[in-house]
Amino acid sequence: MNIMKNMLKERRIKMKDYGRVRSTISPKPMIIDEFSVWIHKNITEVSENVGEENEFIGYEYDMIQYDKDEYIELITEQGITHGNYLLDLGFRLSLVEMGVKL
């Protein structure tokens, strides 16, 4: 986490922290699209009644958006792509899709 703080101080990270968000669809921990890497953490199921007709049944979670290049730089600096860490297959495939050589 110190690497993240240092990168923020150096203003190299352009991440967007959306804070706590809600969705009726169960979020995946990581989503990679054409331009961004979306990280969803602290996922919890929520069921809330507001009056008789307004009911929310879904999920609440913390959402952060990274530019692909900054995310690759972040995980590389943290040593995640080095051989001394065991990465699960799905995460490795995601890295390969982003162009990271493992």
C-alpha atoms as a PDB file:
ATOM      1  CA  MET A   1       0.000   0.000   0.000  1.00  0.00           C
ATOM      2  CA  ASN A   2       2.973   2.332   0.478  1.00  0.00           C
ATOM      3  CA  ILE A   3       3.648   2.125  -3.256  1.00  0.00           C
ATOM      4  CA  MET A   4       0.105   3.330  -3.896  1.00  0.00           C
ATOM      5  CA  LYS A   5       0.565   6.269  -1.517  1.00  0.00           C
ATOM      6  CA  ASN A   6       3.859   7.206  -3.180  1.00  0.00           C
ATOM      7  CA  MET A   7       2.296   7.058  -6.628  1.00  0.00           C
ATOM      8  CA  LEU A   8      -0.585   9.254  -5.465  1.00  0.00           C
ATOM      9  CA  LYS A   9       1.881  11.778  -4.033  1.00  0.00           C
ATOM     10  CA  GLU A  10       3.741  11.840  -7.345  1.00  0.00           C
ATOM     11  CA  ARG A  11       0.346  12.311  -9.088  1.00  0.00           C
ATOM     12  CA  ARG A  12       1.030   9.455 -11.482  1.00  0.00           C
ATOM     13  CA  ILE A  13      -2.300   7.829 -10.699  1.00  0.00           C
ATOM     14  CA  LYS A  14      -5.430   9.138 -12.357  1.00  0.00           C
ATOM     15  CA  MET A  15      -7.702   6.668 -10.618  1.00  0.00           C
ATOM     16  CA  LYS A  16     -11.293   7.559  -9.842  1.00  0.00           C
ATOM     17  CA  ASP A  17     -12.664   6.393  -6.520  1.00  0.00           C
ATOM     18  CA  TYR A  18     -16.453   6.232  -6.784  1.00  0.00           C
ATOM     19  CA  GLY A  19     -16.802   5.284  -3.124  1.00  0.00           C
ATOM     20  CA  ARG A  20     -19.652   3.040  -2.045  1.00  0.00           C
ATOM     21  CA  VAL A  21     -22.041   2.239  -4.927  1.00  0.00           C
ATOM     22  CA  ARG A  22     -25.089  -0.008  -5.418  1.00  0.00           C
ATOM     23  CA  SER A  23     -26.174  -2.370  -8.145  1.00  0.00           C
ATOM     24  CA  THR A  24     -28.917  -4.919  -8.679  1.00  0.00           C
ATOM     25  CA  ILE A  25     -26.393  -7.115 -10.521  1.00  0.00           C
ATOM     26  CA  SER A  26     -23.718  -9.022  -8.609  1.00  0.00           C
ATOM     27  CA  PRO A  27     -20.385  -7.322  -9.417  1.00  0.00           C
ATOM     28  CA  LYS A  28     -17.231  -9.163 -10.383  1.00  0.00           C
ATOM     29  CA  PRO A  29     -14.150  -8.238  -8.314  1.00  0.00           C
ATOM     30  CA  MET A  30     -12.370  -7.010 -11.469  1.00  0.00           C
ATOM     31  CA  ILE A  31     -13.717  -5.909 -14.850  1.00  0.00           C
ATOM     32  CA  ILE A  32     -11.464  -4.957 -17.748  1.00  0.00           C
ATOM     33  CA  ASP A  33     -12.898  -2.974 -20.627  1.00  0.00           C
ATOM     34  CA  GLU A  34     -11.267  -1.295 -23.627  1.00  0.00           C
ATOM     35  CA  PHE A  35      -9.835   1.601 -21.604  1.00  0.00           C
ATOM     36  CA  SER A  36     -10.124   0.852 -17.888  1.00  0.00           C
ATOM     37  CA  VAL A  37      -9.722  -1.644 -15.065  1.00  0.00           C
ATOM     38  CA  TRP A  38     -12.611  -1.538 -12.590  1.00  0.00           C
ATOM     39  CA  ILE A  39     -11.979  -2.882  -9.082  1.00  0.00           C
ATOM     40  CA  HIS A  40     -14.925  -3.808  -6.844  1.00  0.00           C
ATOM     41  CA  LYS A  41     -14.177  -4.533  -3.172  1.00  0.00           C
ATOM     42  CA  ASN A  42     -16.116  -5.112   0.040  1.00  0.00           C
ATOM     43  CA  ILE A  43     -19.104  -6.545  -1.839  1.00  0.00           C
ATOM     44  CA  THR A  44     -22.146  -7.093   0.374  1.00  0.00           C
ATOM     45  CA  GLU A  45     -25.735  -8.080  -0.349  1.00  0.00           C
ATOM     46  CA  VAL A  46     -28.298  -5.420   0.544  1.00  0.00           C
ATOM     47  CA  SER A  47     -32.028  -5.652   1.088  1.00  0.00           C
ATOM     48  CA  GLU A  48     -33.682  -2.407   2.059  1.00  0.00           C
ATOM     49  CA  ASN A  49     -37.299  -1.308   2.329  1.00  0.00           C
ATOM     50  CA  VAL A  50     -38.240   2.341   2.029  1.00  0.00           C
ATOM     51  CA  GLY A  51     -41.979   2.617   2.409  1.00  0.00           C
ATOM     52  CA  GLU A  52     -44.279   0.023   0.887  1.00  0.00           C
ATOM     53  CA  GLU A  53     -43.360   0.262  -2.792  1.00  0.00           C
ATOM     54  CA  ASN A  54     -39.687   1.270  -2.762  1.00  0.00           C
ATOM     55  CA  GLU A  55     -37.564  -1.789  -2.149  1.00  0.00           C
ATOM     56  CA  PHE A  56     -33.898  -2.286  -3.042  1.00  0.00           C
ATOM     57  CA  ILE A  57     -32.501  -5.787  -3.299  1.00  0.00           C
ATOM     58  CA  GLY A  58     -28.969  -5.930  -4.654  1.00  0.00           C
ATOM     59  CA  TYR A  59     -25.345  -5.288  -3.816  1.00  0.00           C
ATOM     60  CA  GLU A  60     -23.283  -2.512  -2.297  1.00  0.00           C
ATOM     61  CA  TYR A  61     -19.529  -2.228  -2.854  1.00  0.00           C
ATOM     62  CA  ASP A  62     -16.516   0.087  -3.192  1.00  0.00           C
ATOM     63  CA  MET A  63     -15.689   0.876  -6.837  1.00  0.00           C
ATOM     64  CA  ILE A  64     -12.400   2.207  -8.216  1.00  0.00           C
ATOM     65  CA  GLN A  65     -11.591   2.872 -11.880  1.00  0.00           C
ATOM     66  CA  TYR A  66      -8.003   2.828 -13.174  1.00  0.00           C
ATOM     67  CA  ASP A  67      -6.671   3.644 -16.613  1.00  0.00           C
ATOM     68  CA  LYS A  68      -5.240   0.375 -18.029  1.00  0.00           C
ATOM     69  CA  ASP A  69      -1.701   1.723 -18.291  1.00  0.00           C
ATOM     70  CA  GLU A  70      -1.659   3.060 -14.738  1.00  0.00           C
ATOM     71  CA  TYR A  71      -3.068  -0.229 -13.415  1.00  0.00           C
ATOM     72  CA  ILE A  72      -0.354  -2.222 -15.185  1.00  0.00           C
ATOM     73  CA  GLU A  73       2.252   0.145 -13.744  1.00  0.00           C
ATOM     74  CA  LEU A  74       0.740  -0.165 -10.269  1.00  0.00           C
ATOM     75  CA  ILE A  75       0.707  -3.956 -10.189  1.00  0.00           C
ATOM     76  CA  THR A  76       4.166  -4.134 -11.746  1.00  0.00           C
ATOM     77  CA  GLU A  77       5.596  -1.833  -9.070  1.00  0.00           C
ATOM     78  CA  GLN A  78       3.918  -3.913  -6.378  1.00  0.00           C
ATOM     79  CA  GLY A  79       5.712  -6.978  -7.721  1.00  0.00           C
ATOM     80  CA  ILE A  80       2.529  -8.857  -8.595  1.00  0.00           C
ATOM     81  CA  THR A  81       3.778  -9.757 -12.069  1.00  0.00           C
ATOM     82  CA  HIS A  82       7.107 -11.102 -10.800  1.00  0.00           C
ATOM     83  CA  GLY A  83       7.659 -14.831 -10.570  1.00  0.00           C
ATOM     84  CA  ASN A  84       7.661 -14.917  -6.770  1.00  0.00           C
ATOM     85  CA  TYR A  85       3.868 -14.500  -6.586  1.00  0.00           C
ATOM     86  CA  LEU A  86       1.289 -17.099  -7.404  1.00  0.00           C
ATOM     87  CA  LEU A  87      -1.513 -15.581  -9.482  1.00  0.00           C
ATOM     88  CA  ASP A  88      -4.798 -17.326 -10.148  1.00  0.00           C
ATOM     89  CA  LEU A  89      -5.509 -18.303 -13.749  1.00  0.00           C
ATOM     90  CA  GLY A  90      -8.301 -15.770 -14.307  1.00  0.00           C
ATOM     91  CA  PHE A  91      -6.160 -12.901 -13.102  1.00  0.00           C
ATOM     92  CA  ARG A  92      -3.208 -14.063 -15.229  1.00  0.00           C
ATOM     93  CA  LEU A  93      -5.439 -14.180 -18.311  1.00  0.00           C
ATOM     94  CA  SER A  94      -6.672 -10.672 -17.562  1.00  0.00           C
ATOM     95  CA  LEU A  95      -3.091  -9.441 -17.375  1.00  0.00           C
ATOM     96  CA  VAL A  96      -2.257 -11.108 -20.671  1.00  0.00           C
ATOM     97  CA  GLU A  97      -5.278  -9.471 -22.296  1.00  0.00           C
ATOM     98  CA  MET A  98      -3.940  -6.113 -21.105  1.00  0.00           C
ATOM     99  CA  GLY A  99      -0.576  -6.844 -22.722  1.00  0.00           C
ATOM    100  CA  VAL A 100       1.449  -7.698 -19.600  1.00  0.00           C
ATOM    101  CA  LYS A 101       4.080 -10.351 -20.265  1.00  0.00           C
ATOM    102  CA  LEU A 102       4.228 -12.912 -17.464  1.00  0.00           C
END
